[in-house]
């Protein structure tokens, strides 16, 4: 059975197409990893009782919600 690298070495067109697919997939994976890390950190902070005060929430709401 031929491995992917052997197939790519034989056909530059397939290699180029594979690269066109791999780059966005890697970028998506990196983005999602960043988001998951942020979510886990937020959960850790919430579990530790680190919440925004009512005053800070009111200020942010007024600033961004109008």
N, C-alpha and C. Protein backbone atom coordinates (compact mmCIF):
# COMPACT_ATOMS: atom_id res chain seq x y z
N UNK A 1 0.85 -1.18 0.00
CA UNK A 1 0.00 0.00 0.00
C UNK A 1 0.90 1.25 0.00
N UNK A 2 0.57 2.19 -0.84
CA UNK A 2 1.34 3.43 -0.92
C UNK A 2 0.85 4.40 0.15
N UNK A 3 1.80 5.06 0.77
CA UNK A 3 1.46 6.08 1.75
C UNK A 3 1.24 7.41 1.04
N UNK A 4 0.61 8.32 1.75
CA UNK A 4 0.27 9.64 1.20
C UNK A 4 1.51 10.36 0.67
N UNK A 5 2.62 10.31 1.41
CA UNK A 5 3.81 11.03 0.98
C UNK A 5 4.35 10.49 -0.35
N UNK A 6 4.19 9.20 -0.60
CA UNK A 6 4.63 8.63 -1.87
C UNK A 6 3.73 9.10 -3.02
N UNK A 7 2.45 9.19 -2.76
CA UNK A 7 1.52 9.67 -3.78
C UNK A 7 1.80 11.14 -4.10
N UNK A 8 2.05 11.94 -3.07
CA UNK A 8 2.31 13.35 -3.27
C UNK A 8 3.61 13.57 -4.03
N UNK A 9 4.60 12.77 -3.74
CA UNK A 9 5.88 12.92 -4.40
C UNK A 9 5.76 12.63 -5.90
N UNK A 10 4.81 11.82 -6.26
CA UNK A 10 4.63 11.46 -7.67
C UNK A 10 3.81 12.47 -8.45
N UNK A 11 2.97 13.23 -7.78
CA UNK A 11 2.05 14.11 -8.50
C UNK A 11 2.03 15.50 -7.86
N UNK A 12 2.72 16.46 -8.47
CA UNK A 12 2.76 17.81 -7.91
C UNK A 12 1.39 18.49 -7.84
N UNK A 13 0.49 18.13 -8.75
CA UNK A 13 -0.85 18.72 -8.72
C UNK A 13 -1.61 18.30 -7.47
N UNK A 14 -1.48 17.03 -7.12
CA UNK A 14 -2.13 16.54 -5.90
C UNK A 14 -1.49 17.21 -4.68
N UNK A 15 -0.18 17.39 -4.71
CA UNK A 15 0.50 18.04 -3.60
C UNK A 15 -0.01 19.47 -3.42
N UNK A 16 -0.17 20.20 -4.51
CA UNK A 16 -0.67 21.57 -4.44
C UNK A 16 -2.11 21.60 -3.92
N UNK A 17 -2.94 20.68 -4.39
CA UNK A 17 -4.32 20.62 -3.92
C UNK A 17 -4.37 20.27 -2.44
N UNK A 18 -3.51 19.36 -2.04
CA UNK A 18 -3.46 18.96 -0.65
C UNK A 18 -3.06 20.14 0.23
N UNK A 19 -2.11 20.94 -0.23
CA UNK A 19 -1.68 22.10 0.52
C UNK A 19 -2.81 23.13 0.63
N UNK A 20 -3.58 23.29 -0.43
CA UNK A 20 -4.72 24.21 -0.40
C UNK A 20 -5.76 23.78 0.64
N UNK A 21 -5.87 22.50 0.86
CA UNK A 21 -6.81 21.99 1.85
C UNK A 21 -6.20 22.03 3.26
N UNK A 22 -4.94 21.66 3.37
CA UNK A 22 -4.30 21.56 4.69
C UNK A 22 -4.16 22.91 5.39
N UNK A 23 -3.83 23.96 4.66
CA UNK A 23 -3.62 25.26 5.30
C UNK A 23 -4.86 25.78 6.02
N UNK A 24 -6.02 25.82 5.38
CA UNK A 24 -7.20 26.29 6.11
C UNK A 24 -7.57 25.37 7.27
N UNK A 25 -7.36 24.09 7.11
CA UNK A 25 -7.67 23.16 8.20
C UNK A 25 -6.78 23.42 9.40
N UNK A 26 -5.49 23.65 9.16
CA UNK A 26 -4.57 23.97 10.27
C UNK A 26 -4.97 25.28 10.93
N UNK A 27 -5.32 26.28 10.14
CA UNK A 27 -5.72 27.58 10.69
C UNK A 27 -6.99 27.43 11.53
N UNK A 28 -7.94 26.65 11.05
CA UNK A 28 -9.17 26.42 11.81
C UNK A 28 -8.86 25.72 13.13
N UNK A 29 -8.00 24.73 13.08
CA UNK A 29 -7.63 23.99 14.29
C UNK A 29 -6.96 24.92 15.30
N UNK A 30 -6.06 25.77 14.85
CA UNK A 30 -5.40 26.72 15.74
C UNK A 30 -6.41 27.68 16.37
N UNK A 31 -7.34 28.17 15.58
CA UNK A 31 -8.36 29.08 16.08
C UNK A 31 -9.23 28.40 17.14
N UNK A 32 -9.67 27.20 16.85
CA UNK A 32 -10.51 26.47 17.80
C UNK A 32 -9.74 26.13 19.06
N UNK A 33 -8.46 25.79 18.94
CA UNK A 33 -7.65 25.49 20.12
C UNK A 33 -7.55 26.73 21.01
N UNK A 34 -7.41 27.91 20.39
CA UNK A 34 -7.34 29.16 21.13
C UNK A 34 -8.65 29.42 21.86
N UNK A 35 -9.76 29.17 21.19
CA UNK A 35 -11.08 29.38 21.81
C UNK A 35 -11.30 28.41 22.97
N UNK A 36 -10.96 27.16 22.77
CA UNK A 36 -11.14 26.15 23.81
C UNK A 36 -10.30 26.50 25.03
N UNK A 37 -9.08 26.96 24.81
CA UNK A 37 -8.22 27.38 25.92
C UNK A 37 -8.88 28.52 26.71
N UNK A 38 -9.44 29.48 26.01
CA UNK A 38 -10.12 30.59 26.66
C UNK A 38 -11.34 30.14 27.45
N UNK A 39 -12.10 29.22 26.90
CA UNK A 39 -13.28 28.70 27.59
C UNK A 39 -12.87 27.96 28.86
N UNK A 40 -11.84 27.14 28.76
CA UNK A 40 -11.37 26.40 29.94
C UNK A 40 -10.89 27.37 31.02
N UNK A 41 -10.19 28.43 30.62
CA UNK A 41 -9.73 29.43 31.59
C UNK A 41 -10.92 30.12 32.24
N UNK A 42 -11.93 30.45 31.47
CA UNK A 42 -13.13 31.10 32.02
C UNK A 42 -13.84 30.19 33.02
N UNK A 43 -13.92 28.91 32.71
CA UNK A 43 -14.55 27.96 33.63
C UNK A 43 -13.75 27.87 34.93
N UNK A 44 -12.44 27.84 34.79
CA UNK A 44 -11.57 27.79 35.98
C UNK A 44 -11.79 29.03 36.86
N UNK A 45 -11.88 30.20 36.24
CA UNK A 45 -12.12 31.44 36.99
C UNK A 45 -13.49 31.42 37.66
N UNK A 46 -14.50 30.94 36.94
CA UNK A 46 -15.84 30.87 37.52
C UNK A 46 -15.88 29.90 38.69
N UNK A 47 -15.21 28.77 38.55
CA UNK A 47 -15.16 27.79 39.64
C UNK A 47 -14.47 28.37 40.87
N UNK A 48 -13.54 29.31 40.65
CA UNK A 48 -12.82 29.95 41.76
C UNK A 48 -13.61 31.14 42.32
N UNK A 49 -14.77 31.42 41.74
CA UNK A 49 -15.61 32.51 42.22
C UNK A 49 -15.20 33.88 41.71
N UNK A 50 -14.42 33.91 40.66
CA UNK A 50 -13.95 35.18 40.09
C UNK A 50 -14.94 35.68 39.05
N UNK A 51 -15.92 36.44 39.52
CA UNK A 51 -16.94 36.98 38.63
C UNK A 51 -16.82 38.50 38.55
N UNK A 52 -17.40 39.07 37.54
CA UNK A 52 -17.46 40.52 37.39
C UNK A 52 -18.45 41.08 38.40
N UNK A 53 -18.09 42.21 39.00
CA UNK A 53 -19.00 42.82 39.97
C UNK A 53 -20.22 43.39 39.24
N UNK A 54 -21.28 43.62 39.99
CA UNK A 54 -22.50 44.19 39.41
C UNK A 54 -22.23 45.59 38.84
N UNK A 55 -21.38 46.35 39.51
CA UNK A 55 -21.05 47.70 39.05
C UNK A 55 -20.30 47.63 37.72
N UNK A 56 -19.27 46.75 37.63
CA UNK A 56 -18.52 46.61 36.38
C UNK A 56 -19.40 46.12 35.24
N UNK A 57 -20.32 45.22 35.55
CA UNK A 57 -21.24 44.71 34.53
C UNK A 57 -22.16 45.83 34.03
N UNK A 58 -22.64 46.66 34.94
CA UNK A 58 -23.51 47.77 34.54
C UNK A 58 -22.75 48.77 33.67
N UNK A 59 -21.50 49.04 34.01
CA UNK A 59 -20.69 49.96 33.21
C UNK A 59 -20.47 49.40 31.81
N UNK A 60 -20.11 48.12 31.72
CA UNK A 60 -19.88 47.49 30.41
C UNK A 60 -21.15 47.44 29.59
N UNK A 61 -22.26 47.13 30.24
CA UNK A 61 -23.55 47.07 29.53
C UNK A 61 -23.91 48.43 28.97
N UNK A 62 -23.73 49.46 29.77
CA UNK A 62 -24.05 50.81 29.31
C UNK A 62 -23.14 51.22 28.16
N UNK A 63 -21.86 50.87 28.27
CA UNK A 63 -20.88 51.26 27.25
C UNK A 63 -21.16 50.57 25.91
N UNK A 64 -21.43 49.26 25.94
CA UNK A 64 -21.54 48.50 24.70
C UNK A 64 -22.96 48.29 24.21
N UNK A 65 -23.94 48.35 25.10
CA UNK A 65 -25.32 48.12 24.68
C UNK A 65 -26.10 49.42 24.49
N UNK A 66 -25.48 50.50 24.90
CA UNK A 66 -26.12 51.80 24.66
C UNK A 66 -26.98 52.22 25.72
